Protein backbone atom coordinates (compact mmCIF):
# COMPACT_ATOMS: atom_id res chain seq x y z
CA MET A 1 13.93 -9.64 -9.82
CA ASP A 2 16.35 -8.34 -6.85
CA PHE A 3 15.21 -5.02 -5.00
CA ALA A 4 18.35 -4.93 -2.74
CA PRO A 5 18.69 -1.93 -2.54
CA SER A 6 21.92 -0.38 -4.84
CA ALA A 7 25.42 0.34 -3.55
CA ARG A 8 24.13 4.53 -4.28
CA THR A 9 20.66 4.09 -2.52
CA VAL A 10 22.35 2.76 0.65
CA GLU A 11 25.17 5.13 0.54
CA HIS A 12 22.30 8.35 -0.39
CA LEU A 13 19.82 7.08 1.93
CA GLN A 14 21.99 6.51 5.22
CA ARG A 15 22.90 10.75 4.45
CA LEU A 16 19.31 10.77 4.31
CA ARG A 17 18.38 9.28 7.54
CA GLY A 18 20.86 11.18 9.39
CA PHE A 19 19.80 14.69 7.69
CA ILE A 20 16.00 13.87 8.46
CA ALA A 21 16.91 12.77 12.14
CA GLU A 22 19.55 15.70 12.63
CA HIS A 23 17.23 18.85 11.05
CA ILE A 24 13.98 17.72 10.03
CA GLU A 25 12.71 15.70 12.96
CA PRO A 26 12.97 18.36 15.33
CA PHE A 27 11.96 21.27 13.57
CA ASP A 28 8.61 19.46 12.62
CA ALA A 29 6.72 20.28 15.27
CA GLN A 30 7.53 24.02 15.13
CA TYR A 31 7.31 24.63 11.70
CA ARG A 32 3.58 22.46 11.62
CA ARG A 33 2.84 25.01 14.40
CA GLU A 34 4.03 27.91 12.85
CA ASN A 35 3.80 28.18 9.18
CA ALA A 36 -0.12 27.58 10.95
CA GLU A 37 -0.39 30.60 12.89
CA PHE A 38 1.30 33.04 10.16
CA ASN A 39 -0.31 31.77 7.14
CA ALA A 40 -3.42 31.40 8.41
CA GLY A 41 -6.90 31.84 5.98
CA ALA A 42 -7.49 31.82 2.11
CA ASP A 43 -5.61 34.81 0.66
CA TRP A 44 -3.10 33.07 -0.48
CA ARG A 45 -1.20 36.99 -1.22
CA GLN A 46 0.03 36.82 2.41
CA TRP A 47 1.12 33.56 1.89
CA ARG A 48 5.12 33.46 3.41
CA VAL A 49 7.61 30.12 3.70
CA HIS A 50 8.77 30.21 7.07
CA PRO A 51 12.35 31.00 6.84
CA ARG A 52 14.08 28.16 8.11
CA ILE A 53 12.83 26.21 5.36
CA ALA A 54 15.28 28.20 2.73
CA GLU A 55 17.91 27.05 5.60
CA LEU A 56 16.91 23.82 5.14
CA LYS A 57 17.24 23.73 1.28
CA ALA A 58 20.73 25.51 1.44
CA LEU A 59 22.27 22.82 3.95
CA ALA A 60 20.31 20.25 1.98
CA ARG A 61 22.08 21.00 -1.42
CA GLU A 62 25.87 21.33 0.66
CA ALA A 63 25.58 17.95 1.58
CA GLY A 64 24.46 16.61 -1.91
CA LEU A 65 21.09 15.92 -1.27
CA TRP A 66 19.52 17.22 -3.97
CA ASN A 67 17.55 16.69 -7.19
CA LEU A 68 17.46 12.88 -5.54
CA PHE A 69 14.57 12.10 -7.83
CA LEU A 70 16.93 12.99 -11.68
CA PRO A 71 18.05 9.86 -13.11
CA ASP A 72 21.21 12.72 -14.18
CA ALA A 73 24.48 12.49 -11.80
CA GLU A 74 24.87 16.35 -13.09
CA LEU A 75 21.92 17.86 -12.34
CA GLY A 76 20.39 15.11 -9.54
CA GLY A 77 21.15 12.14 -7.83
CA GLY A 78 21.88 10.07 -11.47
CA LEU A 79 19.63 7.75 -10.01
CA SER A 80 16.81 5.22 -11.27
CA VAL A 81 13.09 4.98 -10.19
CA LEU A 82 14.21 2.15 -8.16
CA GLU A 83 16.78 3.04 -6.94
CA TYR A 84 15.06 6.07 -5.42
CA ALA A 85 11.75 4.88 -4.49
CA PRO A 86 12.91 3.91 -1.07
CA LEU A 87 14.22 7.69 -0.30
CA ALA A 88 10.77 8.90 -1.36
CA GLU A 89 9.96 6.64 1.46
CA ALA A 90 12.38 7.73 3.64
CA MET A 91 11.20 11.49 2.85
CA GLY A 92 7.18 10.93 3.36
CA HIS A 93 7.94 11.19 7.81
CA TYR A 94 7.50 14.29 7.21
CA GLU A 95 4.72 15.60 4.81
CA PHE A 96 7.26 18.75 3.89
CA ALA A 97 10.84 16.50 4.10
CA ALA A 98 10.61 16.57 0.17
CA GLU A 99 10.69 20.18 -1.14
CA ILE A 100 14.55 20.01 1.65
CA PHE A 101 15.10 18.38 -1.16
CA ASN A 102 13.88 19.85 -3.96
CA CYS A 103 11.83 16.37 -4.62
CA ASN A 104 8.10 17.65 -3.94
CA ALA A 105 5.54 17.43 -6.68
CA PRO A 106 4.72 18.68 -7.91
CA ASP A 107 8.14 20.31 -9.85
CA THR A 108 9.00 16.66 -9.84
CA GLY A 109 6.94 15.82 -12.48
CA ASN A 110 7.51 18.94 -14.23
CA MET A 111 11.33 18.67 -13.77
CA GLU A 112 10.75 16.34 -15.46
CA VAL A 113 8.93 17.04 -18.79
CA LEU A 114 11.56 19.75 -19.18
CA TYR A 115 14.23 17.34 -18.57
CA HIS A 116 12.74 14.88 -21.09
CA PHE A 117 11.00 16.60 -23.91
CA GLY A 118 12.00 20.24 -23.31
CA THR A 119 14.05 22.49 -26.52
CA PRO A 120 17.24 23.98 -24.64
CA ALA A 121 15.45 27.50 -24.99
CA GLN A 122 12.79 26.21 -22.38
CA LYS A 123 15.01 23.92 -20.03
CA ALA A 124 17.36 27.25 -19.41
CA ARG A 125 14.42 29.95 -19.60
CA TRP A 126 12.47 26.81 -16.58
CA LEU A 127 13.94 23.69 -15.32
CA THR A 128 17.74 25.49 -14.64
CA PRO A 129 15.88 27.40 -12.05
CA LEU A 130 13.41 24.64 -11.21
CA LEU A 131 17.05 22.92 -10.40
CA ALA A 132 17.99 25.01 -8.42
CA GLY A 133 14.58 25.43 -5.80
CA GLU A 134 14.69 29.10 -7.10
CA ILE A 135 11.26 29.14 -8.09
CA ARG A 136 8.35 27.03 -8.21
CA SER A 137 5.91 25.25 -10.83
CA VAL A 138 1.75 24.10 -10.76
CA PHE A 139 0.32 21.54 -13.63
CA CYS A 140 -3.18 22.88 -14.43
CA MET A 141 -5.31 19.67 -15.91
CA SER A 142 -7.98 19.08 -14.30
CA GLU A 143 -11.79 21.15 -14.85
CA PRO A 144 -14.54 21.46 -12.57
CA ASP A 145 -17.12 21.90 -15.51
CA VAL A 146 -16.27 18.09 -16.29
CA ALA A 147 -15.14 14.70 -14.91
CA SER A 148 -11.95 14.91 -14.74
CA SER A 149 -11.16 11.40 -14.14
CA ASP A 150 -11.42 11.07 -17.87
CA ALA A 151 -8.60 13.41 -19.21
CA THR A 152 -9.74 12.86 -22.24
CA ASN A 153 -12.78 15.14 -21.43
CA MET A 154 -10.84 18.60 -21.29
CA GLN A 155 -12.32 21.27 -22.28
CA ALA A 156 -9.74 24.29 -21.92
CA THR A 157 -8.62 24.75 -25.21
CA ILE A 158 -5.22 25.84 -27.20
CA ARG A 159 -5.46 27.28 -30.40
CA VAL A 160 -2.87 28.37 -32.58
CA ASP A 161 -3.03 32.21 -34.12
CA GLY A 162 0.43 32.97 -36.22
CA ASP A 163 3.80 32.99 -34.10
CA GLU A 164 1.69 31.85 -30.89
CA LEU A 165 -0.26 30.26 -28.95
CA VAL A 166 -3.53 31.53 -27.24
CA LEU A 167 -5.50 29.57 -24.33
CA ASP A 168 -9.16 29.88 -22.50
CA GLY A 169 -10.17 27.64 -20.00
CA ARG A 170 -11.17 27.12 -16.48
CA LYS A 171 -8.80 25.07 -14.15
CA TRP A 172 -8.44 23.80 -10.25
CA TRP A 173 -6.84 21.72 -7.81
CA SER A 174 -3.92 22.90 -9.00
CA THR A 175 -1.16 22.17 -5.87
CA GLY A 176 1.41 24.35 -5.31
CA ILE A 177 -0.38 27.96 -7.39
CA GLY A 178 -0.49 29.79 -3.89
CA HIS A 179 3.57 29.23 -2.99
CA PRO A 180 5.25 32.67 -3.12
CA ASP A 181 7.36 31.19 -5.35
CA ALA A 182 5.04 29.76 -8.45
CA ARG A 183 6.28 31.25 -11.50
CA LEU A 184 5.08 28.56 -14.11
CA ALA A 185 2.19 26.38 -15.14
CA ILE A 186 2.08 23.98 -17.40
CA PHE A 187 -1.13 24.29 -19.00
CA MET A 188 -2.92 20.38 -20.43
CA GLY A 189 -5.52 21.64 -23.72
CA LEU A 190 -7.98 20.64 -26.90
CA SER A 191 -5.60 21.38 -29.84
CA ASN A 192 -6.75 19.31 -32.11
CA PRO A 193 -9.87 18.30 -31.70
CA GLU A 194 -10.54 16.27 -34.54
CA ALA A 195 -7.49 13.53 -34.21
CA GLU A 196 -8.59 10.10 -32.08
CA PRO A 197 -9.07 11.40 -28.10
CA HIS A 198 -5.12 10.72 -27.01
CA ALA A 199 -4.37 12.77 -29.78
CA ARG A 200 -6.12 15.62 -29.28
CA HIS A 201 -4.30 17.49 -26.20
CA SER A 202 -0.76 19.90 -26.16
CA MET A 203 1.29 20.61 -23.34
CA VAL A 204 2.16 24.58 -23.06
CA LEU A 205 4.36 26.20 -20.82
CA VAL A 206 3.13 29.90 -19.70
CA PRO A 207 3.96 32.43 -16.79
CA LEU A 208 1.59 32.70 -14.11
CA ASP A 209 2.05 37.00 -14.95
CA ALA A 210 1.21 36.43 -17.94
CA PRO A 211 -1.71 38.23 -18.96
CA GLY A 212 -5.27 36.32 -18.70
CA VAL A 213 -3.90 34.39 -16.28
CA ARG A 214 -6.23 35.01 -13.14
CA ILE A 215 -6.56 33.16 -9.58
CA GLU A 216 -9.85 33.48 -8.61
CA ARG A 217 -9.26 31.47 -5.07
CA MET A 218 -7.54 28.45 -3.32
CA LEU A 219 -9.51 25.73 -2.07
CA PRO A 220 -9.79 24.08 0.84
CA THR A 221 -9.16 20.25 1.64
CA PHE A 222 -11.32 19.33 5.25
CA GLY A 223 -11.37 23.24 5.75
CA GLU A 224 -7.46 23.59 5.07
CA TYR A 225 -5.72 25.34 2.53
CA ASP A 226 -2.07 23.88 3.01
CA PRO A 227 -0.17 27.07 3.05
CA PRO A 228 1.60 28.33 1.18
CA TYR A 229 1.47 26.09 -1.33
CA GLY A 230 -2.63 26.09 -1.82
CA HIS A 231 -4.51 24.50 -4.51
CA GLY A 232 -6.21 26.72 -6.65
CA GLU A 233 -8.98 27.54 -9.26
CA VAL A 234 -7.51 29.14 -11.73
CA VAL A 235 -8.80 30.75 -14.91
CA PHE A 236 -6.68 31.69 -18.37
CA GLU A 237 -8.94 33.96 -20.86
CA ASN A 238 -7.11 34.92 -23.37
CA VAL A 239 -3.75 33.77 -22.78
CA ARG A 240 -1.16 34.22 -25.41
CA VAL A 241 2.16 32.52 -25.47
CA PRO A 242 4.46 32.09 -28.00
CA LYS A 243 4.74 28.80 -30.22
CA ASP A 244 7.89 27.75 -28.66
CA GLN A 245 6.23 26.96 -26.11
CA LEU A 246 4.35 24.44 -26.90
CA ILE A 247 6.08 21.67 -25.07
CA LEU A 248 7.65 18.49 -27.39
CA GLY A 249 4.50 18.70 -30.28
CA LEU A 250 0.86 19.50 -31.09
CA GLY A 251 -2.14 16.75 -29.68
CA GLN A 252 1.32 15.06 -27.35
CA GLY A 253 -0.19 16.23 -24.44
CA PHE A 254 -1.03 11.92 -23.14
CA ALA A 255 2.16 11.09 -24.24
CA ILE A 256 3.76 13.04 -21.97
CA ALA A 257 1.90 12.93 -19.71
CA GLN A 258 2.64 9.06 -19.74
CA GLY A 259 6.19 9.86 -18.65
CA ARG A 260 5.11 12.25 -16.22
CA LEU A 261 2.90 10.18 -14.30
CA GLY A 262 4.63 6.29 -14.26
CA PRO A 263 7.97 7.31 -11.79
CA GLY A 264 5.73 10.17 -10.45
CA ARG A 265 3.03 7.89 -8.66
CA ILE A 266 5.73 5.68 -7.31
CA HIS A 267 7.33 8.60 -5.38
CA HIS A 268 3.60 9.16 -4.66
CA CYS A 269 3.21 6.30 -3.43
CA MET A 270 6.36 5.67 -1.78
CA ARG A 271 6.49 8.68 0.52
CA ALA A 272 2.59 7.44 1.86
CA ILE A 273 4.43 4.23 2.59
CA GLY A 274 6.96 6.69 4.80
CA ALA A 275 3.79 8.73 5.99
CA ALA A 276 1.94 4.86 7.04
CA GLU A 277 5.13 4.00 9.19
CA ARG A 278 5.32 7.02 10.73
CA ALA A 279 1.73 6.65 11.84
CA LEU A 280 2.47 3.07 13.16
CA GLU A 281 4.72 4.17 14.76
CA LEU A 282 3.36 7.37 16.74
CA MET A 283 -0.14 4.62 17.13
CA ILE A 284 2.43 2.09 18.96
CA ARG A 285 4.34 4.67 21.22
CA ARG A 286 1.26 6.48 22.36
CA GLY A 287 -0.94 3.51 22.69
CA SER A 288 2.39 1.84 25.01
CA ALA A 289 1.68 5.13 26.99
CA ARG A 290 -1.33 5.35 27.85
CA GLN A 291 -3.15 2.91 30.58
CA ALA A 292 -6.79 2.28 30.71
CA PHE A 293 -8.18 -0.45 32.66
CA GLY A 294 -5.24 -1.23 34.20
CA GLN A 295 -3.11 -1.75 30.97
CA PRO A 296 -1.72 -0.03 28.27
CA ILE A 297 -4.39 1.19 25.75
CA LEU A 298 -2.40 -0.92 22.66
CA ARG A 299 -3.86 -4.63 24.04
CA LEU A 300 -6.90 -3.36 24.31
CA GLY A 301 -10.21 -3.94 21.90
CA GLY A 302 -8.03 -5.96 19.10
CA ASN A 303 -5.47 -3.04 19.26
CA LEU A 304 -2.31 -5.55 19.29
CA GLU A 305 -4.09 -7.34 16.18
CA ARG A 306 -4.05 -3.85 14.30
CA VAL A 307 -0.48 -3.48 14.62
CA ALA A 308 0.03 -6.57 12.82
CA GLN A 309 -1.95 -5.76 10.09
CA ALA A 310 -0.90 -2.99 9.30
CA ARG A 311 3.34 -4.03 9.35
CA ILE A 312 2.00 -6.90 6.80
CA ALA A 313 0.09 -4.22 4.83
CA ILE A 314 2.69 -2.00 4.65
CA ASP A 315 5.39 -4.32 3.63
CA GLN A 316 2.89 -5.81 1.13
CA ALA A 317 2.37 -2.25 -0.41
CA ARG A 318 6.23 -1.73 -0.49
CA LEU A 319 7.01 -4.50 -2.28
CA LEU A 320 4.29 -4.10 -4.68
CA THR A 321 5.65 -0.94 -5.09
CA LEU A 322 9.18 -1.76 -5.91
CA TYR A 323 8.11 -4.74 -8.02
CA ALA A 324 6.66 -1.41 -10.56
CA ALA A 325 9.36 1.00 -10.49
CA TRP A 326 11.67 -3.10 -11.47
CA LYS A 327 9.19 -2.81 -14.31
CA ILE A 328 9.05 0.53 -15.25
CA GLU A 329 13.00 0.55 -15.32
CA ARG A 330 13.51 -2.68 -16.98
CA PHE A 331 10.44 -2.58 -19.49
CA GLY A 332 9.29 1.26 -19.72
CA VAL A 333 6.23 3.08 -17.90
CA LYS A 334 3.92 0.99 -20.79
CA ALA A 335 4.52 -2.32 -19.48
CA ALA A 336 4.06 -1.49 -16.26
CA MET A 337 0.75 0.00 -16.37
CA THR A 338 -1.10 -2.61 -14.14
CA GLU A 339 0.55 -2.47 -11.31
CA ILE A 340 1.57 1.38 -11.81
CA SER A 341 -2.03 1.60 -11.22
CA ALA A 342 -2.59 -1.10 -8.20
CA ILE A 343 -0.24 0.99 -5.73
CA LYS A 344 -2.20 3.84 -6.97
CA VAL A 345 -5.21 1.92 -5.11
CA VAL A 346 -2.93 -0.19 -2.74
CA ALA A 347 -1.10 3.26 -1.23
CA PRO A 348 -3.53 5.48 -0.23
CA ASN A 349 -5.91 3.53 0.94
CA LEU A 350 -3.00 1.70 3.19
CA LEU A 351 -2.00 5.17 4.73
CA GLN A 352 -6.07 6.29 5.10
CA ASP A 353 -6.73 3.16 7.26
CA ILE A 354 -3.72 2.76 9.51
CA VAL A 355 -4.18 6.99 9.92
CA ASP A 356 -7.07 6.67 10.86
CA GLN A 357 -6.44 3.28 14.06
CA ALA A 358 -3.84 5.84 15.28
CA ILE A 359 -6.39 8.89 15.05
CA GLN A 360 -8.52 6.30 17.12
CA ILE A 361 -6.38 5.37 19.73
CA HIS A 362 -4.99 8.96 20.08
CA GLY A 363 -8.34 10.02 20.99
CA GLY A 364 -8.97 13.82 20.87
CA ALA A 365 -5.38 14.15 20.03
CA GLY A 366 -5.61 12.20 16.87
CA VAL A 367 -7.49 15.16 15.58
CA SER A 368 -6.01 17.84 16.83
CA HIS A 369 -2.84 19.63 15.27
CA ASP A 370 -0.99 18.72 17.85
CA VAL A 371 0.54 15.74 16.00
CA PRO A 372 0.26 15.59 12.21
CA LEU A 373 -2.28 12.85 11.91
CA THR A 374 -5.07 14.75 10.43
CA GLY A 375 -2.45 16.34 7.66
CA LEU A 376 -1.19 12.71 6.94
CA PHE A 377 -5.42 11.62 6.88
CA MET A 378 -5.98 14.48 4.29
CA ILE A 379 -3.62 13.85 2.24
CA ALA A 380 -4.12 10.03 2.60
CA ARG A 381 -7.71 11.16 0.99
CA ALA A 382 -6.77 13.51 -1.42
CA LEU A 383 -4.29 11.21 -2.71
CA ARG A 384 -7.66 8.81 -3.97
CA ILE A 385 -8.86 10.91 -5.93
CA ALA A 386 -5.72 13.00 -7.38
CA ASP A 387 -3.42 11.40 -10.30
CA GLY A 388 -6.87 9.81 -10.89
CA PRO A 389 -9.30 7.93 -8.58
CA ASP A 390 -9.39 4.43 -7.01
CA GLU A 391 -12.24 3.29 -9.47
CA VAL A 392 -10.54 4.26 -12.83
CA HIS A 393 -7.07 2.84 -11.92
CA ARG A 394 -9.14 -0.56 -10.85
CA ALA A 395 -10.57 -0.56 -14.00
CA MET A 396 -7.04 -0.58 -15.30
CA VAL A 397 -6.75 -3.66 -13.42
CA ALA A 398 -9.41 -5.36 -14.82
CA ARG A 399 -9.03 -4.26 -18.34
CA ARG A 400 -5.60 -5.83 -18.59
CA GLU A 401 -6.32 -8.79 -16.88
CA LEU A 402 -9.31 -9.44 -19.33
CA ALA A 403 -7.59 -8.72 -22.15
CA LYS A 404 -5.05 -11.48 -20.83
CA TYR A 405 -8.10 -13.47 -21.79
CA GLY A 406 -9.73 -12.03 -25.18
CA LEU A 407 -12.10 -10.24 -23.94
CA GLY A 408 -11.46 -6.32 -24.94
CA ARG A 409 -14.07 -3.94 -23.90
CA ASN A 410 -15.84 -4.04 -26.64
CA SER A 411 -16.62 -8.24 -26.29
CA LYS A 412 -19.66 -9.82 -25.33
CA GLU A 413 -18.24 -11.49 -22.58
CA ALA A 414 -16.27 -8.64 -21.09
CA ALA A 415 -19.93 -6.76 -20.70
């Protein structure tokens, strides 16, 4: 296996880093300050997008740095998941960078679903404006009344009524639903209750202005509402959509999700590694610039050892994530399930640890909004729950490891 970046990756990465250095890095502190000023509070109906974001998106599109995640040379970057991974890492240095290149979650995953599984009509209605960055989308899966770490628990329902599908249920932590441009939800619900557990659920395309769709509230993470995106609790009450808004077919929800989440977790983890690189840089710069007890604080209290451990951990996580991407590319998502679960544990924990150390070195500034560390810590801690909690992914790794020795779930030895 060879993890050396391809010529296409090198060329894209050079241009991407140049764009970030010229347009995003100088704007970062201003964006965080001004976005917080005019998007304060939980009332998402008043949220608005900073005007500079649209300008930067137009510049990125003109520069050919657009839809880089999509392995289609006409519609996107034409890069494989392994080739795209270093680009995701570069975007991860700044919280809002991925949106500038139309590579932000959950839109990337939703666009991949439509690209791979959508009908021509579904693509024309939803994929085209998403690829153009004209609208945003959300993914409605987790539910407040069940343990969503086991997705087979989902109780929201999809019922066929003639030429329509009828949707009922309550979803929450639907990322991006507070965004002014959010227009589409992919709703996952129980449609085949008598089938085996992973064939019971389906996915449906739902316009957010459909009758019966009601956003009840935005959910704060550590007191922050993440405007203008937001994570919302949404009620679907007798929502009727045409049957042709079903994706792939009844009972295909988990098959679709497997294809969606594999590459998506590579994106998440590489962005987390990029964020960890930034946290380490902030830690070193702060620690070397501040003096205490007659020397730079970076040289006090074991901080040099923490720097070394951070460097080692970042490089280990990057190699593991690239290996997972290589396996997806070479053998498919199913063959890479151990590695996908492993990186989903490793990368968010790595980011949380390094950000925590950077906060400590920054002292009071570290827990303020003057530096981006609280935002990065929030991302890391939330990622340890989102897309499956650590425990679920560790269980997946352990289960597949035991299976190598013939120790299945129901064996006496495995118990």
